[in-house]
Amino acid sequence: MKLGHWLNSLSLFDHLLLLLLFLVGVYFSKLTLEALREFYRKKTNDSPYMVKYRITPLALLSLGIFYTVILVKIMSRLFGILN
């Protein structure tokens, strides 16, 4: 089954659950990127010449998708769904 057919076959509850998992994944992504930025700041000892890193939407969303896939895998193993 193709992805589009699979998404169309889901119920409203399934869509909301996937959206919730994606939002949790994006939140974990934000925490990870902020921790990496803080780690870099501490390693450079707040040097005035250090590179100022921003959290861009591409990095945030791509890491969020990665975390969402991990969350779905964990939930499917935990609850025995999506077999």
Protein backbone atom coordinates (compact mmCIF):
# COMPACT_ATOMS: atom_id res chain seq x y z
CA MET A 1 0.00 0.00 0.00
CA LYS A 2 1.31 3.40 -0.93
CA LEU A 3 1.70 6.16 1.64
CA GLY A 4 -1.16 8.23 0.21
CA HIS A 5 -3.58 5.30 0.29
CA TRP A 6 -2.50 4.47 3.83
CA LEU A 7 -3.03 8.06 5.01
CA ASN A 8 -6.49 8.19 3.39
CA SER A 9 -7.50 4.97 5.11
CA LEU A 10 -6.78 6.36 8.59
CA SER A 11 -9.54 7.62 10.86
CA LEU A 12 -9.68 11.06 12.46
CA PHE A 13 -8.34 9.63 15.72
CA ASP A 14 -5.36 8.10 13.86
CA HIS A 15 -4.59 11.44 12.20
CA LEU A 16 -4.76 13.26 15.53
CA LEU A 17 -2.52 10.67 17.16
CA LEU A 18 0.07 11.00 14.39
CA LEU A 19 -0.08 14.79 14.70
CA LEU A 20 0.41 14.54 18.45
CA LEU A 21 3.40 12.23 18.00
CA PHE A 22 4.88 14.62 15.44
CA LEU A 23 4.48 17.57 17.81
CA VAL A 24 6.20 15.58 20.57
CA GLY A 25 8.98 14.73 18.09
CA VAL A 26 9.41 18.40 17.17
CA TYR A 27 9.56 19.30 20.86
CA PHE A 28 12.30 16.70 21.43
CA SER A 29 14.07 18.07 18.36
CA LYS A 30 13.96 21.60 19.79
CA LEU A 31 15.35 20.38 23.11
CA THR A 32 18.15 18.50 21.34
CA LEU A 33 19.16 21.46 19.17
CA GLU A 34 19.09 23.87 22.13
CA ALA A 35 21.24 21.46 24.15
CA LEU A 36 23.74 21.19 21.29
CA ARG A 37 23.87 24.98 20.98
CA GLU A 38 24.42 25.33 24.74
CA PHE A 39 27.12 22.64 24.65
CA TYR A 40 28.91 24.54 21.85
CA ARG A 41 28.66 27.79 23.82
CA LYS A 42 30.21 26.18 26.88
CA LYS A 43 32.98 24.52 24.86
CA THR A 44 34.00 27.86 23.35
CA ASN A 45 33.84 29.59 26.75
CA ASP A 46 31.54 32.34 25.46
CA SER A 47 34.18 33.55 23.03
CA PRO A 48 33.18 36.71 21.16
CA TYR A 49 34.46 35.07 17.95
CA MET A 50 32.31 31.93 18.16
CA VAL A 51 29.80 31.22 15.41
CA LYS A 52 26.22 32.11 16.33
CA TYR A 53 24.12 29.06 15.51
CA ARG A 54 20.38 29.36 14.92
CA ILE A 55 17.75 26.66 15.05
CA THR A 56 16.41 26.62 11.51
CA PRO A 57 13.06 25.11 10.50
CA LEU A 58 14.75 22.54 8.25
CA ALA A 59 16.86 21.16 11.09
CA LEU A 60 13.96 21.33 13.53
CA LEU A 61 11.48 19.52 11.30
CA SER A 62 13.90 16.92 9.91
CA LEU A 63 15.04 15.94 13.39
CA GLY A 64 11.38 16.04 14.46
CA ILE A 65 10.48 13.50 11.76
CA PHE A 66 13.35 11.31 12.93
CA TYR A 67 12.10 11.44 16.52
CA THR A 68 8.53 10.77 15.34
CA VAL A 69 9.63 7.61 13.54
CA ILE A 70 11.40 6.46 16.69
CA LEU A 71 8.31 7.21 18.80
CA VAL A 72 6.04 5.29 16.40
CA LYS A 73 8.42 2.31 16.47
CA ILE A 74 8.50 2.34 20.27
CA MET A 75 4.71 2.69 20.54
CA SER A 76 4.11 -0.12 18.05
CA ARG A 77 6.40 -2.44 20.00
CA LEU A 78 4.91 -1.37 23.32
CA PHE A 79 1.25 -1.73 22.37
CA GLY A 80 1.52 -4.29 19.56
CA ILE A 81 -0.08 -2.07 16.91
CA LEU A 82 0.96 -1.55 13.28
CA ASN A 83 1.97 -5.19 12.81
